Amino acid sequence: MRLVSLSNNLGYDRIIVIPAKHFGRAVDRNKARRRAKEIFRNYEGRISPEDPVEDSGLDFVLVMYPGKVSTFSLLESGFTDLLDRSRRK
């Protein structure tokens, strides 16, 4: 996984999930997108309202590469770590 974040000046966060070209079948790509978006929705509730980055809003671009399929909890912990690191920029 690779996560890139950019300021969007909209006041809210957005996410786009891009599976790499040879990620697998459409079913696998859509499942990965749904999982990442659900983790992002759950993560948004954990952001504190006094966070200064929250006012400007961020665009998150997640590029997912094919590989060993991990459990939802492992994907969630790795993805939230990436989101936390991008918020500290």
PDB file of N, CA and C in Angstrom:
ATOM      1  N   MET A   1       0.840  -1.184   0.000  1.00  0.00           N
ATOM      2  CA  MET A   1       0.000   0.000   0.000  1.00  0.00           C
ATOM      3  C   MET A   1       0.878   1.237   0.000  1.00  0.00           C
ATOM      4  N   ARG A   2       0.417   2.228  -0.701  1.00  0.00           N
ATOM      5  CA  ARG A   2       1.093   3.517  -0.681  1.00  0.00           C
ATOM      6  C   ARG A   2       0.018   4.585  -0.534  1.00  0.00           C
ATOM      7  N   LEU A   3       0.224   5.498   0.402  1.00  0.00           N
ATOM      8  CA  LEU A   3      -0.755   6.543   0.670  1.00  0.00           C
ATOM      9  C   LEU A   3      -0.118   7.899   0.442  1.00  0.00           C
ATOM     10  N   VAL A   4      -0.804   8.716  -0.340  1.00  0.00           N
ATOM     11  CA  VAL A   4      -0.359  10.075  -0.607  1.00  0.00           C
ATOM     12  C   VAL A   4      -1.469  11.002  -0.140  1.00  0.00           C
ATOM     13  N   SER A   5      -1.108  12.092   0.533  1.00  0.00           N
ATOM     14  CA  SER A   5      -2.128  13.038   0.979  1.00  0.00           C
ATOM     15  C   SER A   5      -1.778  14.437   0.485  1.00  0.00           C
ATOM     16  N   LEU A   6      -2.804  15.147   0.068  1.00  0.00           N
ATOM     17  CA  LEU A   6      -2.664  16.513  -0.424  1.00  0.00           C
ATOM     18  C   LEU A   6      -3.766  17.363   0.181  1.00  0.00           C
ATOM     19  N   SER A   7      -3.486  18.625   0.390  1.00  0.00           N
ATOM     20  CA  SER A   7      -4.498  19.527   0.917  1.00  0.00           C
ATOM     21  C   SER A   7      -5.514  19.835  -0.178  1.00  0.00           C
ATOM     22  N   ASN A   8      -6.817  19.882   0.195  1.00  0.00           N
ATOM     23  CA  ASN A   8      -7.840  20.167  -0.805  1.00  0.00           C
ATOM     24  C   ASN A   8      -8.606  21.461  -0.529  1.00  0.00           C
ATOM     25  N   ASN A   9      -8.414  22.076   0.652  1.00  0.00           N
ATOM     26  CA  ASN A   9      -9.070  23.340   1.016  1.00  0.00           C
ATOM     27  C   ASN A   9     -10.591  23.285   0.901  1.00  0.00           C
ATOM     28  N   LEU A  10     -11.178  22.119   1.104  1.00  0.00           N
ATOM     29  CA  LEU A  10     -12.629  21.972   1.051  1.00  0.00           C
ATOM     30  C   LEU A  10     -13.259  21.893   2.436  1.00  0.00           C
ATOM     31  N   GLY A  11     -12.451  21.652   3.454  1.00  0.00           N
ATOM     32  CA  GLY A  11     -12.974  21.546   4.805  1.00  0.00           C
ATOM     33  C   GLY A  11     -13.349  20.131   5.205  1.00  0.00           C
ATOM     34  N   TYR A  12     -13.213  19.181   4.307  1.00  0.00           N
ATOM     35  CA  TYR A  12     -13.491  17.783   4.642  1.00  0.00           C
ATOM     36  C   TYR A  12     -12.508  16.900   3.883  1.00  0.00           C
ATOM     37  N   ASP A  13     -12.357  15.670   4.358  1.00  0.00           N
ATOM     38  CA  ASP A  13     -11.419  14.729   3.762  1.00  0.00           C
ATOM     39  C   ASP A  13     -12.109  13.879   2.699  1.00  0.00           C
ATOM     40  N   ARG A  14     -11.338  13.499   1.704  1.00  0.00           N
ATOM     41  CA  ARG A  14     -11.825  12.593   0.668  1.00  0.00           C
ATOM     42  C   ARG A  14     -10.793  11.494   0.464  1.00  0.00           C
ATOM     43  N   ILE A  15     -11.228  10.369  -0.099  1.00  0.00           N
ATOM     44  CA  ILE A  15     -10.314   9.259  -0.365  1.00  0.00           C
ATOM     45  C   ILE A  15     -10.607   8.683  -1.745  1.00  0.00           C
ATOM     46  N   ILE A  16      -9.541   8.259  -2.404  1.00  0.00           N
ATOM     47  CA  ILE A  16      -9.668   7.501  -3.636  1.00  0.00           C
ATOM     48  C   ILE A  16      -8.762   6.286  -3.488  1.00  0.00           C
ATOM     49  N   VAL A  17      -9.269   5.141  -3.880  1.00  0.00           N
ATOM     50  CA  VAL A  17      -8.525   3.887  -3.772  1.00  0.00           C
ATOM     51  C   VAL A  17      -8.247   3.403  -5.190  1.00  0.00           C
ATOM     52  N   ILE A  18      -6.977   3.184  -5.493  1.00  0.00           N
ATOM     53  CA  ILE A  18      -6.574   2.757  -6.824  1.00  0.00           C
ATOM     54  C   ILE A  18      -5.827   1.429  -6.706  1.00  0.00           C
ATOM     55  N   PRO A  19      -6.450   0.330  -7.107  1.00  0.00           N
ATOM     56  CA  PRO A  19      -5.704  -0.927  -7.167  1.00  0.00           C
ATOM     57  C   PRO A  19      -4.750  -0.904  -8.359  1.00  0.00           C
ATOM     58  N   ALA A  20      -3.567  -1.453  -8.207  1.00  0.00           N
ATOM     59  CA  ALA A  20      -2.583  -1.499  -9.290  1.00  0.00           C
ATOM     60  C   ALA A  20      -3.135  -2.311 -10.457  1.00  0.00           C
ATOM     61  N   LYS A  21      -2.508  -2.163 -11.600  1.00  0.00           N
ATOM     62  CA  LYS A  21      -3.014  -2.737 -12.841  1.00  0.00           C
ATOM     63  C   LYS A  21      -3.275  -4.245 -12.754  1.00  0.00           C
ATOM     64  N   HIS A  22      -2.376  -4.982 -12.175  1.00  0.00           N
ATOM     65  CA  HIS A  22      -2.525  -6.438 -12.113  1.00  0.00           C
ATOM     66  C   HIS A  22      -2.951  -6.889 -10.726  1.00  0.00           C
ATOM     67  N   PHE A  23      -3.918  -6.196 -10.145  1.00  0.00           N
ATOM     68  CA  PHE A  23      -4.350  -6.514  -8.784  1.00  0.00           C
ATOM     69  C   PHE A  23      -5.125  -7.816  -8.715  1.00  0.00           C
ATOM     70  N   GLY A  24      -5.811  -8.163  -9.759  1.00  0.00           N
ATOM     71  CA  GLY A  24      -6.595  -9.392  -9.754  1.00  0.00           C
ATOM     72  C   GLY A  24      -7.898  -9.181 -10.505  1.00  0.00           C
ATOM     73  N   ARG A  25      -8.853 -10.021 -10.181  1.00  0.00           N
ATOM     74  CA  ARG A  25     -10.157  -9.920 -10.829  1.00  0.00           C
ATOM     75  C   ARG A  25     -10.911  -8.696 -10.309  1.00  0.00           C
ATOM     76  N   ALA A  26     -11.955  -8.323 -11.005  1.00  0.00           N
ATOM     77  CA  ALA A  26     -12.780  -7.177 -10.613  1.00  0.00           C
ATOM     78  C   ALA A  26     -13.355  -7.381  -9.212  1.00  0.00           C
ATOM     79  N   VAL A  27     -13.704  -8.608  -8.893  1.00  0.00           N
ATOM     80  CA  VAL A  27     -14.237  -8.910  -7.564  1.00  0.00           C
ATOM     81  C   VAL A  27     -13.221  -8.570  -6.485  1.00  0.00           C
ATOM     82  N   ASP A  28     -11.959  -8.925  -6.718  1.00  0.00           N
ATOM     83  CA  ASP A  28     -10.900  -8.645  -5.753  1.00  0.00           C
ATOM     84  C   ASP A  28     -10.639  -7.151  -5.623  1.00  0.00           C
ATOM     85  N   ARG A  29     -10.626  -6.439  -6.756  1.00  0.00           N
ATOM     86  CA  ARG A  29     -10.402  -4.993  -6.727  1.00  0.00           C
ATOM     87  C   ARG A  29     -11.519  -4.281  -5.969  1.00  0.00           C
ATOM     88  N   ASN A  30     -12.759  -4.656  -6.239  1.00  0.00           N
ATOM     89  CA  ASN A  30     -13.886  -4.016  -5.565  1.00  0.00           C
ATOM     90  C   ASN A  30     -13.912  -4.329  -4.077  1.00  0.00           C
ATOM     91  N   LYS A  31     -13.550  -5.540  -3.711  1.00  0.00           N
ATOM     92  CA  LYS A  31     -13.495  -5.908  -2.295  1.00  0.00           C
ATOM     93  C   LYS A  31     -12.440  -5.076  -1.573  1.00  0.00           C
ATOM     94  N   ALA A  32     -11.280  -4.892  -2.210  1.00  0.00           N
ATOM     95  CA  ALA A  32     -10.216  -4.077  -1.613  1.00  0.00           C
ATOM     96  C   ALA A  32     -10.677  -2.631  -1.457  1.00  0.00           C
ATOM     97  N   ARG A  33     -11.367  -2.097  -2.469  1.00  0.00           N
ATOM     98  CA  ARG A  33     -11.882  -0.728  -2.375  1.00  0.00           C
ATOM     99  C   ARG A  33     -12.887  -0.583  -1.235  1.00  0.00           C
ATOM    100  N   ARG A  34     -13.810  -1.518  -1.149  1.00  0.00           N
ATOM    101  CA  ARG A  34     -14.826  -1.458  -0.082  1.00  0.00           C
ATOM    102  C   ARG A  34     -14.187  -1.518   1.299  1.00  0.00           C
ATOM    103  N   ARG A  35     -13.209  -2.390   1.473  1.00  0.00           N
ATOM    104  CA  ARG A  35     -12.527  -2.497   2.768  1.00  0.00           C
ATOM    105  C   ARG A  35     -11.808  -1.197   3.121  1.00  0.00           C
ATOM    106  N   ALA A  36     -11.077  -0.631   2.169  1.00  0.00           N
ATOM    107  CA  ALA A  36     -10.327   0.600   2.433  1.00  0.00           C
ATOM    108  C   ALA A  36     -11.269   1.759   2.751  1.00  0.00           C
ATOM    109  N   LYS A  37     -12.365   1.868   2.034  1.00  0.00           N
ATOM    110  CA  LYS A  37     -13.319   2.956   2.289  1.00  0.00           C
ATOM    111  C   LYS A  37     -14.003   2.797   3.644  1.00  0.00           C
ATOM    112  N   GLU A  38     -14.290   1.569   4.044  1.00  0.00           N
ATOM    113  CA  GLU A  38     -14.895   1.330   5.356  1.00  0.00           C
ATOM    114  C   GLU A  38     -13.914   1.694   6.472  1.00  0.00           C
ATOM    115  N   ILE A  39     -12.662   1.339   6.318  1.00  0.00           N
ATOM    116  CA  ILE A  39     -11.649   1.705   7.311  1.00  0.00           C
ATOM    117  C   ILE A  39     -11.536   3.217   7.395  1.00  0.00           C
ATOM    118  N   PHE A  40     -11.561   3.893   6.249  1.00  0.00           N
ATOM    119  CA  PHE A  40     -11.476   5.356   6.225  1.00  0.00           C
ATOM    120  C   PHE A  40     -12.681   5.978   6.929  1.00  0.00           C
ATOM    121  N   ARG A  41     -13.881   5.437   6.702  1.00  0.00           N
ATOM    122  CA  ARG A  41     -15.082   5.952   7.386  1.00  0.00           C
ATOM    123  C   ARG A  41     -14.970   5.786   8.896  1.00  0.00           C
ATOM    124  N   ASN A  42     -14.467   4.648   9.339  1.00  0.00           N
ATOM    125  CA  ASN A  42     -14.286   4.427  10.778  1.00  0.00           C
ATOM    126  C   ASN A  42     -13.203   5.331  11.340  1.00  0.00           C
ATOM    127  N   TYR A  43     -12.177   5.607  10.574  1.00  0.00           N
ATOM    128  CA  TYR A  43     -11.064   6.444  11.015  1.00  0.00           C
ATOM    129  C   TYR A  43     -11.511   7.889  11.196  1.00  0.00           C
ATOM    130  N   GLU A  44     -12.389   8.389  10.346  1.00  0.00           N
ATOM    131  CA  GLU A  44     -12.827   9.787  10.411  1.00  0.00           C
ATOM    132  C   GLU A  44     -13.431  10.132  11.766  1.00  0.00           C
ATOM    133  N   GLY A  45     -14.094   9.195  12.400  1.00  0.00           N
ATOM    134  CA  GLY A  45     -14.689   9.443  13.706  1.00  0.00           C
ATOM    135  C   GLY A  45     -13.670   9.604  14.810  1.00  0.00           C
ATOM    136  N   ARG A  46     -12.442   9.131  14.597  1.00  0.00           N
ATOM    137  CA  ARG A  46     -11.401   9.217  15.626  1.00  0.00           C
ATOM    138  C   ARG A  46     -10.624  10.517  15.581  1.00  0.00           C
ATOM    139  N   ILE A  47     -10.823  11.334  14.561  1.00  0.00           N
ATOM    140  CA  ILE A  47     -10.084  12.581  14.428  1.00  0.00           C
ATOM    141  C   ILE A  47     -10.649  13.608  15.393  1.00  0.00           C
ATOM    142  N   SER A  48      -9.770  14.256  16.148  1.00  0.00           N
ATOM    143  CA  SER A  48     -10.231  15.233  17.129  1.00  0.00           C
ATOM    144  C   SER A  48     -10.668  16.521  16.435  1.00  0.00           C
ATOM    145  N   PRO A  49     -11.710  17.196  16.928  1.00  0.00           N
ATOM    146  CA  PRO A  49     -12.200  18.408  16.281  1.00  0.00           C
ATOM    147  C   PRO A  49     -11.225  19.575  16.342  1.00  0.00           C
ATOM    148  N   GLU A  50     -10.314  19.580  17.302  1.00  0.00           N
ATOM    149  CA  GLU A  50      -9.365  20.689  17.396  1.00  0.00           C
ATOM    150  C   GLU A  50      -8.131  20.473  16.531  1.00  0.00           C
ATOM    151  N   ASP A  51      -8.134  19.438  15.708  1.00  0.00           N
ATOM    152  CA  ASP A  51      -7.020  19.165  14.813  1.00  0.00           C
ATOM    153  C   ASP A  51      -6.939  20.268  13.759  1.00  0.00           C
ATOM    154  N   PRO A  52      -5.805  20.998  13.656  1.00  0.00           N
ATOM    155  CA  PRO A  52      -5.719  22.110  12.707  1.00  0.00           C
ATOM    156  C   PRO A  52      -5.794  21.682  11.250  1.00  0.00           C
ATOM    157  N   VAL A  53      -5.409  20.448  10.948  1.00  0.00           N
ATOM    158  CA  VAL A  53      -5.461  19.968   9.568  1.00  0.00           C
ATOM    159  C   VAL A  53      -6.903  19.753   9.137  1.00  0.00           C
ATOM    160  N   GLU A  54      -7.778  19.489  10.083  1.00  0.00           N
ATOM    161  CA  GLU A  54      -9.174  19.189   9.784  1.00  0.00           C
ATOM    162  C   GLU A  54      -9.855  20.355   9.072  1.00  0.00           C
ATOM    163  N   ASP A  55      -9.473  21.610   9.379  1.00  0.00           N
ATOM    164  CA  ASP A  55     -10.121  22.760   8.775  1.00  0.00           C
ATOM    165  C   ASP A  55      -9.864  22.842   7.281  1.00  0.00           C
ATOM    166  N   SER A  56      -8.665  22.473   6.845  1.00  0.00           N
ATOM    167  CA  SER A  56      -8.341  22.598   5.430  1.00  0.00           C
ATOM    168  C   SER A  56      -8.822  21.400   4.620  1.00  0.00           C
ATOM    169  N   GLY A  57      -8.861  20.238   5.210  1.00  0.00           N
ATOM    170  CA  GLY A  57      -9.263  19.024   4.510  1.00  0.00           C
ATOM    171  C   GLY A  57      -8.114  18.426   3.724  1.00  0.00           C
ATOM    172  N   LEU A  58      -8.146  17.130   3.563  1.00  0.00           N
ATOM    173  CA  LEU A  58      -7.099  16.420   2.838  1.00  0.00           C
ATOM    174  C   LEU A  58      -7.715  15.476   1.817  1.00  0.00           C
ATOM    175  N   ASP A  59      -7.013  15.280   0.722  1.00  0.00           N
ATOM    176  CA  ASP A  59      -7.331  14.240  -0.246  1.00  0.00           C
ATOM    177  C   ASP A  59      -6.344  13.110  -0.024  1.00  0.00           C
ATOM    178  N   PHE A  60      -6.846  11.912   0.212  1.00  0.00           N
ATOM    179  CA  PHE A  60      -5.999  10.737   0.395  1.00  0.00           C
ATOM    180  C   PHE A  60      -6.094   9.880  -0.860  1.00  0.00           C
ATOM    181  N   VAL A  61      -4.957   9.512  -1.416  1.00  0.00           N
ATOM    182  CA  VAL A  61      -4.897   8.621  -2.565  1.00  0.00           C
ATOM    183  C   VAL A  61      -4.187   7.358  -2.099  1.00  0.00           C
ATOM    184  N   LEU A  62      -4.880   6.260  -2.146  1.00  0.00           N
ATOM    185  CA  LEU A  62      -4.341   4.978  -1.699  1.00  0.00           C
ATOM    186  C   LEU A  62      -4.134   4.091  -2.921  1.00  0.00           C
ATOM    187  N   VAL A  63      -2.885   3.721  -3.172  1.00  0.00           N
ATOM    188  CA  VAL A  63      -2.564   2.808  -4.262  1.00  0.00           C
ATOM    189  C   VAL A  63      -2.300   1.448  -3.637  1.00  0.00           C
ATOM    190  N   MET A  64      -3.073   0.454  -4.045  1.00  0.00           N
ATOM    191  CA  MET A  64      -2.945  -0.886  -3.484  1.00  0.00           C
ATOM    192  C   MET A  64      -2.284  -1.797  -4.508  1.00  0.00           C
ATOM    193  N   TYR A  65      -1.279  -2.532  -4.053  1.00  0.00           N
ATOM    194  CA  TYR A  65      -0.543  -3.434  -4.923  1.00  0.00           C
ATOM    195  C   TYR A  65      -0.937  -4.876  -4.629  1.00  0.00           C
ATOM    196  N   PRO A  66      -0.872  -5.747  -5.643  1.00  0.00           N
ATOM    197  CA  PRO A  66      -1.231  -7.143  -5.421  1.00  0.00           C
ATOM    198  C   PRO A  66      -0.217  -7.820  -4.504  1.00  0.00           C
ATOM    199  N   GLY A  67      -0.666  -8.793  -3.828  1.00  0.00           N
ATOM    200  CA  GLY A  67       0.213  -9.526  -2.918  1.00  0.00           C
ATOM    201  C   GLY A  67      -0.611 -10.461  -2.070  1.00  0.00           C
ATOM    202  N   LYS A  68      -0.043 -10.853  -0.999  1.00  0.00           N
ATOM    203  CA  LYS A  68      -0.716 -11.759  -0.082  1.00  0.00           C
ATOM    204  C   LYS A  68      -1.927 -11.072   0.523  1.00  0.00           C
ATOM    205  N   VAL A  69      -3.046 -11.753   0.496  1.00  0.00           N
ATOM    206  CA  VAL A  69      -4.271 -11.201   1.059  1.00  0.00           C
ATOM    207  C   VAL A  69      -4.180 -11.269   2.578  1.00  0.00           C
ATOM    208  N   SER A  70      -4.400 -10.123   3.221  1.00  0.00           N
ATOM    209  CA  SER A  70      -4.314 -10.083   4.681  1.00  0.00           C
ATOM    210  C   SER A  70      -5.712  -9.963   5.275  1.00  0.00           C
ATOM    211  N   THR A  71      -5.793 -10.205   6.555  1.00  0.00           N
ATOM    212  CA  THR A  71      -7.081 -10.100   7.227  1.00  0.00           C
ATOM    213  C   THR A  71      -7.484  -8.638   7.341  1.00  0.00           C
ATOM    214  N   PHE A  72      -8.758  -8.412   7.604  1.00  0.00           N
ATOM    215  CA  PHE A  72      -9.278  -7.054   7.702  1.00  0.00           C
ATOM    216  C   PHE A  72      -8.591  -6.286   8.827  1.00  0.00           C
ATOM    217  N   SER A  73      -8.324  -6.937   9.954  1.00  0.00           N
ATOM    218  CA  SER A  73      -7.702  -6.246  11.086  1.00  0.00           C
ATOM    219  C   SER A  73      -6.265  -5.819  10.767  1.00  0.00           C
ATOM    220  N   LEU A  74      -5.511  -6.653  10.042  1.00  0.00           N
ATOM    221  CA  LEU A  74      -4.155  -6.266   9.646  1.00  0.00           C
ATOM    222  C   LEU A  74      -4.189  -5.115   8.646  1.00  0.00           C
ATOM    223  N   LEU A  75      -5.111  -5.166   7.709  1.00  0.00           N
ATOM    224  CA  LEU A  75      -5.264  -4.091   6.744  1.00  0.00           C
ATOM    225  C   LEU A  75      -5.649  -2.798   7.454  1.00  0.00           C
ATOM    226  N   GLU A  76      -6.548  -2.897   8.426  1.00  0.00           N
ATOM    227  CA  GLU A  76      -6.991  -1.720   9.175  1.00  0.00           C
ATOM    228  C   GLU A  76      -5.844  -1.094   9.959  1.00  0.00           C
ATOM    229  N   SER A  77      -5.035  -1.909  10.640  1.00  0.00           N
ATOM    230  CA  SER A  77      -3.941  -1.345  11.434  1.00  0.00           C
ATOM    231  C   SER A  77      -2.899  -0.680  10.530  1.00  0.00           C
ATOM    232  N   GLY A  78      -2.576  -1.303   9.416  1.00  0.00           N
ATOM    233  CA  GLY A  78      -1.618  -0.709   8.498  1.00  0.00           C
ATOM    234  C   GLY A  78      -2.138   0.572   7.860  1.00  0.00           C
ATOM    235  N   PHE A  79      -3.404   0.575   7.495  1.00  0.00           N
ATOM    236  CA  PHE A  79      -4.000   1.737   6.848  1.00  0.00           C
ATOM    237  C   PHE A  79      -4.131   2.903   7.821  1.00  0.00           C
ATOM    238  N   THR A  80      -4.537   2.651   9.047  1.00  0.00           N
ATOM    239  CA  THR A  80      -4.653   3.739  10.022  1.00  0.00           C
ATOM    240  C   THR A  80      -3.281   4.294  10.393  1.00  0.00           C
ATOM    241  N   ASP A  81      -2.253   3.446  10.416  1.00  0.00           N
ATOM    242  CA  ASP A  81      -0.887   3.951  10.633  1.00  0.00           C
ATOM    243  C   ASP A  81      -0.481   4.910   9.515  1.00  0.00           C
ATOM    244  N   LEU A  82      -0.799   4.542   8.272  1.00  0.00           N
ATOM    245  CA  LEU A  82      -0.502   5.422   7.145  1.00  0.00           C
ATOM    246  C   LEU A  82      -1.267   6.739   7.251  1.00  0.00           C
ATOM    247  N   LEU A  83      -2.529   6.675   7.646  1.00  0.00           N
ATOM    248  CA  LEU A  83      -3.326   7.893   7.790  1.00  0.00           C
ATOM    249  C   LEU A  83      -2.775   8.777   8.907  1.00  0.00           C
ATOM    250  N   ASP A  84      -2.381   8.162  10.020  1.00  0.00           N
ATOM    251  CA  ASP A  84      -1.802   8.932  11.128  1.00  0.00           C
ATOM    252  C   ASP A  84      -0.518   9.631  10.704  1.00  0.00           C
ATOM    253  N   ARG A  85       0.333   8.914   9.959  1.00  0.00           N
ATOM    254  CA  ARG A  85       1.580   9.519   9.499  1.00  0.00           C
ATOM    255  C   ARG A  85       1.323  10.672   8.539  1.00  0.00           C
ATOM    256  N   SER A  86       0.328  10.532   7.680  1.00  0.00           N
ATOM    257  CA  SER A  86       0.041  11.599   6.712  1.00  0.00           C
ATOM    258  C   SER A  86      -0.561  12.820   7.424  1.00  0.00           C
ATOM    259  N   ARG A  87      -1.269  12.634   8.517  1.00  0.00           N
ATOM    260  CA  ARG A  87      -1.848  13.757   9.271  1.00  0.00           C
ATOM    261  C   ARG A  87      -0.766  14.559   9.991  1.00  0.00           C
ATOM    262  N   ARG A  88       0.358  13.903  10.342  1.00  0.00           N
ATOM    263  CA  ARG A  88       1.424  14.580  11.076  1.00  0.00           C
ATOM    264  C   ARG A  88       2.281  15.463  10.183  1.00  0.00           C
ATOM    265  N   LYS A  89       2.119  15.385   8.870  1.00  0.00           N
ATOM    266  CA  LYS A  89       2.939  16.184   7.933  1.00  0.00           C
ATOM    267  C   LYS A  89       2.708  17.653   8.134  1.00  0.00           C
TER     268      LYS A  89
END
